[in-house]
Amino acid sequence: MTKNETDSAIMTEAEGLQAPVLKQDPHKVGTDQQEKVLEVAIGREVKAVRKQQNITVLELSKKTGISPGMLSKIENGLTSPSLTTLQTLSEALSVSLTSFFRRFEEQRSAVLVKAGSGMDVDRAGTRAGHQYNLLGHVGSNASGVIVEPYLIELTTESDTFATFQHDGIEFIYMLEGEVDYHHAGQVYRLEPGDSFTFDADAPHGPGKLTTLPARYLSIITYPQ
């Protein structure tokens, strides 16, 4: 298949796809409403503990005397429960009262890597001539997801290797050069400005290096 035929096939496939419905609302909790943030943190923790113990809202309602409607509001951060209410919930769930504030008090990590100061690393399975520049890393966190952003450079000294496999989802954004990238038996021509997202558990990696040097961002996410 020629490049034009491949591009046409990709465009036809893309045109047939429906735009995904993104459920996450980044504006749902305003950072300027500290009290609201606390309510949400408490609610999430109450819900997490209840589910961990396999207790339904109705069962918790019977144990505490708090109506199911009020419990739903508490778990969704729609109301500010009194200390008496929290004490009742902690006793019913056999946890400490302070545990409900754990998510609010957690440290939230942030990492700034200045231009040119990323760390060169060797990832498992790294091939000769594949330069991996780690651009940041946040370890254990409340989201339960690890994110590894890399700047990868391929040169005339780079091996081609199309059978990398690892856990998680990988996102590639092409910055420079031209590469035929393999994934699960298919070949995709990546050019500057192209992005590519895929299940990294399938065999994948650069095949034909058409224009060098080639540079791209690779962002890998997986459960911690």
Protein backbone atom coordinates (compact mmCIF):
# COMPACT_ATOMS: atom_id res chain seq x y z
CA MET A 1 0.00 0.00 0.00
CA THR A 2 1.37 3.42 -0.95
CA LYS A 3 1.64 6.32 1.48
CA ASN A 4 -1.32 8.09 -0.19
CA GLU A 5 -3.43 4.94 0.04
CA THR A 6 -2.48 4.51 3.70
CA ASP A 7 -3.30 8.16 4.49
CA SER A 8 -6.61 7.82 2.65
CA ALA A 9 -7.48 4.68 4.62
CA ILE A 10 -6.63 6.42 7.88
CA MET A 11 -8.74 9.46 6.96
CA THR A 12 -11.68 7.25 5.96
CA GLU A 13 -11.48 5.41 9.27
CA ALA A 14 -11.19 8.66 11.22
CA GLU A 15 -14.18 10.22 9.43
CA GLY A 16 -16.30 7.24 10.45
CA LEU A 17 -15.47 7.62 14.13
CA GLN A 18 -17.71 9.53 16.50
CA ALA A 19 -16.18 12.10 18.82
CA PRO A 20 -15.72 10.49 22.24
CA VAL A 21 -17.77 11.71 25.19
CA LEU A 22 -15.31 13.01 27.77
CA LYS A 23 -16.86 12.61 31.20
CA GLN A 24 -14.26 14.42 33.26
CA ASP A 25 -15.13 18.04 33.98
CA PRO A 26 -11.99 20.03 34.94
CA HIS A 27 -14.19 22.90 36.13
CA LYS A 28 -16.38 20.80 38.42
CA VAL A 29 -14.51 21.87 41.54
CA GLY A 30 -13.42 25.50 41.66
CA THR A 31 -10.04 25.92 43.33
CA ASP A 32 -11.19 29.22 44.81
CA GLN A 33 -13.89 27.46 46.84
CA GLN A 34 -11.87 25.86 49.63
CA GLU A 35 -14.92 24.77 51.58
CA LYS A 36 -16.35 23.06 48.50
CA VAL A 37 -13.05 21.21 47.96
CA LEU A 38 -13.21 19.93 51.53
CA GLU A 39 -16.79 18.74 51.07
CA VAL A 40 -15.83 16.83 47.93
CA ALA A 41 -12.77 15.26 49.60
CA ILE A 42 -14.85 14.10 52.58
CA GLY A 43 -17.58 12.77 50.32
CA ARG A 44 -15.17 10.79 48.19
CA GLU A 45 -13.59 9.23 51.26
CA VAL A 46 -16.95 8.28 52.79
CA LYS A 47 -17.98 6.68 49.50
CA ALA A 48 -14.65 4.86 49.12
CA VAL A 49 -14.85 3.39 52.64
CA ARG A 50 -18.47 2.35 52.18
CA LYS A 51 -17.73 0.58 48.89
CA GLN A 52 -14.61 -1.04 50.32
CA GLN A 53 -16.80 -2.62 52.97
CA ASN A 54 -19.44 -3.64 50.39
CA ILE A 55 -22.14 -1.62 52.15
CA THR A 56 -24.96 -0.08 50.12
CA VAL A 57 -26.26 3.43 50.72
CA LEU A 58 -29.51 1.94 52.02
CA GLU A 59 -27.66 -0.31 54.49
CA LEU A 60 -25.56 2.60 55.73
CA SER A 61 -28.72 4.66 56.08
CA LYS A 62 -30.27 2.01 58.33
CA LYS A 63 -27.10 1.80 60.47
CA THR A 64 -26.79 5.57 60.94
CA GLY A 65 -30.32 6.92 60.74
CA ILE A 66 -29.17 9.30 58.00
CA SER A 67 -31.51 9.34 55.01
CA PRO A 68 -30.29 7.85 51.70
CA GLY A 69 -30.81 11.23 50.06
CA MET A 70 -28.58 12.98 52.59
CA LEU A 71 -25.92 10.26 52.28
CA SER A 72 -25.94 10.73 48.52
CA LYS A 73 -25.44 14.48 48.93
CA ILE A 74 -22.55 13.89 51.36
CA GLU A 75 -20.83 11.39 49.05
CA ASN A 76 -21.16 13.72 46.06
CA GLY A 77 -19.85 16.75 47.94
CA LEU A 78 -23.16 18.62 47.68
CA THR A 79 -23.48 19.39 51.38
CA SER A 80 -21.22 20.08 54.34
CA PRO A 81 -21.84 17.39 56.99
CA SER A 82 -21.64 18.38 60.66
CA LEU A 83 -19.06 16.85 62.97
CA THR A 84 -21.87 14.92 64.65
CA THR A 85 -22.86 13.41 61.30
CA LEU A 86 -19.24 12.52 60.51
CA GLN A 87 -18.85 10.94 63.94
CA THR A 88 -21.96 8.82 63.31
CA LEU A 89 -20.58 7.73 59.92
CA SER A 90 -17.14 6.91 61.36
CA GLU A 91 -18.69 4.71 64.05
CA ALA A 92 -20.94 2.92 61.55
CA LEU A 93 -18.00 2.29 59.20
CA SER A 94 -15.51 1.50 62.02
CA VAL A 95 -12.97 4.11 60.93
CA SER A 96 -11.54 7.16 62.64
CA LEU A 97 -13.20 10.51 62.16
CA THR A 98 -9.95 12.02 60.87
CA SER A 99 -9.73 9.44 58.09
CA PHE A 100 -12.46 11.32 56.24
CA PHE A 101 -10.07 14.27 55.84
CA ARG A 102 -7.22 12.17 54.42
CA ARG A 103 -7.76 13.10 50.77
CA PHE A 104 -8.01 16.79 51.61
CA GLU A 105 -4.74 16.75 53.55
CA GLU A 106 -2.73 14.69 51.03
CA GLN A 107 0.27 16.32 49.44
CA ARG A 108 -0.19 16.92 45.71
CA SER A 109 3.06 16.57 43.82
CA ALA A 110 4.23 18.70 40.90
CA VAL A 111 7.45 18.45 38.90
CA LEU A 112 9.02 21.20 36.79
CA VAL A 113 11.78 20.18 34.37
CA LYS A 114 13.50 23.16 32.77
CA ALA A 115 14.44 23.10 29.09
CA GLY A 116 17.40 20.83 28.43
CA SER A 117 17.50 19.39 31.95
CA GLY A 118 15.59 16.12 31.41
CA MET A 119 17.26 12.91 32.57
CA ASP A 120 18.64 10.43 30.03
CA VAL A 121 17.45 6.97 31.08
CA ASP A 122 17.57 3.39 29.88
CA ARG A 123 14.12 1.86 29.83
CA ALA A 124 13.63 -1.89 29.91
CA GLY A 125 14.13 -3.17 26.37
CA THR A 126 15.87 0.00 25.17
CA ARG A 127 17.56 -0.55 21.82
CA ALA A 128 20.88 0.85 20.59
CA GLY A 129 20.66 4.46 19.49
CA HIS A 130 17.27 5.11 21.11
CA GLN A 131 17.77 8.13 23.36
CA TYR A 132 15.14 8.40 26.11
CA ASN A 133 15.00 11.75 27.89
CA LEU A 134 12.68 11.57 30.92
CA LEU A 135 10.82 14.89 31.22
CA GLY A 136 9.22 14.35 34.63
CA HIS A 137 7.83 11.77 37.02
CA VAL A 138 5.29 11.74 39.84
CA GLY A 139 5.33 8.58 41.96
CA SER A 140 2.52 7.23 44.12
CA ASN A 141 -0.47 9.57 43.94
CA ALA A 142 -4.20 9.77 44.63
CA SER A 143 -5.18 9.20 40.99
CA GLY A 144 -3.71 5.70 40.97
CA VAL A 145 -2.03 6.35 37.63
CA ILE A 146 1.68 6.65 36.79
CA VAL A 147 2.65 8.95 33.91
CA GLU A 148 6.07 8.80 32.22
CA PRO A 149 6.73 11.52 29.62
CA TYR A 150 9.76 10.99 27.37
CA LEU A 151 11.46 12.90 24.58
CA ILE A 152 12.79 10.20 22.24
CA GLU A 153 15.38 10.81 19.52
CA LEU A 154 16.31 8.42 16.72
CA THR A 155 19.40 8.89 14.55
CA THR A 156 21.30 7.00 11.86
CA GLU A 157 22.80 4.90 14.69
CA SER A 158 19.38 3.78 15.97
CA ASP A 159 18.17 0.20 15.68
CA THR A 160 14.68 -0.41 14.33
CA PHE A 161 12.61 -2.51 16.70
CA ALA A 162 8.89 -2.98 16.20
CA THR A 163 8.11 -5.41 19.03
CA PHE A 164 8.25 -3.36 22.22
CA GLN A 165 5.55 -4.43 24.68
CA HIS A 166 4.64 -3.07 28.11
CA ASP A 167 1.62 -2.28 30.25
CA GLY A 168 -0.50 0.81 29.82
CA ILE A 169 -1.50 3.31 27.16
CA GLU A 170 1.07 5.22 25.11
CA PHE A 171 0.66 8.56 23.34
CA ILE A 172 3.14 9.79 20.71
CA TYR A 173 3.42 13.29 19.28
CA MET A 174 5.81 13.63 16.36
CA LEU A 175 8.12 16.66 16.50
CA GLU A 176 10.70 16.08 13.79
CA GLY A 177 11.56 13.54 11.09
CA GLU A 178 9.48 10.77 9.57
CA VAL A 179 8.99 7.22 10.86
CA ASP A 180 6.93 4.19 9.90
CA TYR A 181 5.58 3.10 13.30
CA HIS A 182 4.34 -0.46 13.79
CA HIS A 183 1.49 -1.46 16.11
CA ALA A 184 -0.29 -4.82 16.29
CA GLY A 185 0.66 -5.75 12.73
CA GLN A 186 -0.29 -2.38 11.22
CA VAL A 187 2.08 0.33 9.96
CA TYR A 188 1.45 4.06 10.48
CA ARG A 189 3.47 6.85 8.86
CA LEU A 190 4.25 9.45 11.54
CA GLU A 191 5.21 12.96 10.40
CA PRO A 192 5.70 16.23 12.34
CA GLY A 193 2.45 17.26 14.02
CA ASP A 194 0.97 13.74 13.94
CA SER A 195 -0.25 12.12 17.17
CA PHE A 196 -0.73 8.42 17.83
CA THR A 197 -2.40 6.76 20.84
CA PHE A 198 -2.40 3.01 21.39
CA ASP A 199 -2.60 0.04 23.75
CA ALA A 200 1.06 -0.58 24.62
CA ASP A 201 0.46 -4.25 25.45
CA ALA A 202 0.44 -4.98 21.70
CA PRO A 203 3.80 -5.23 19.86
CA HIS A 204 4.86 -1.76 18.72
CA GLY A 205 7.84 0.37 17.78
CA PRO A 206 9.59 2.26 14.97
CA GLY A 207 10.25 0.38 11.76
CA LYS A 208 11.49 2.24 8.70
CA LEU A 209 13.25 5.50 9.66
CA THR A 210 12.45 7.60 6.59
CA THR A 211 13.72 11.03 7.65
CA LEU A 212 16.33 11.50 10.36
CA PRO A 213 16.90 12.70 12.96
CA ALA A 214 13.46 11.85 14.30
CA ARG A 215 12.18 13.27 17.58
CA TYR A 216 8.88 12.63 19.29
CA LEU A 217 7.17 12.90 22.65
CA SER A 218 6.12 9.58 24.15
CA ILE A 219 3.79 9.67 27.15
CA ILE A 220 3.17 6.32 28.85
CA THR A 221 0.46 5.84 31.48
CA TYR A 222 -0.23 2.75 33.58
CA PRO A 223 -1.79 1.84 36.96
CA GLN A 224 0.56 2.29 39.90
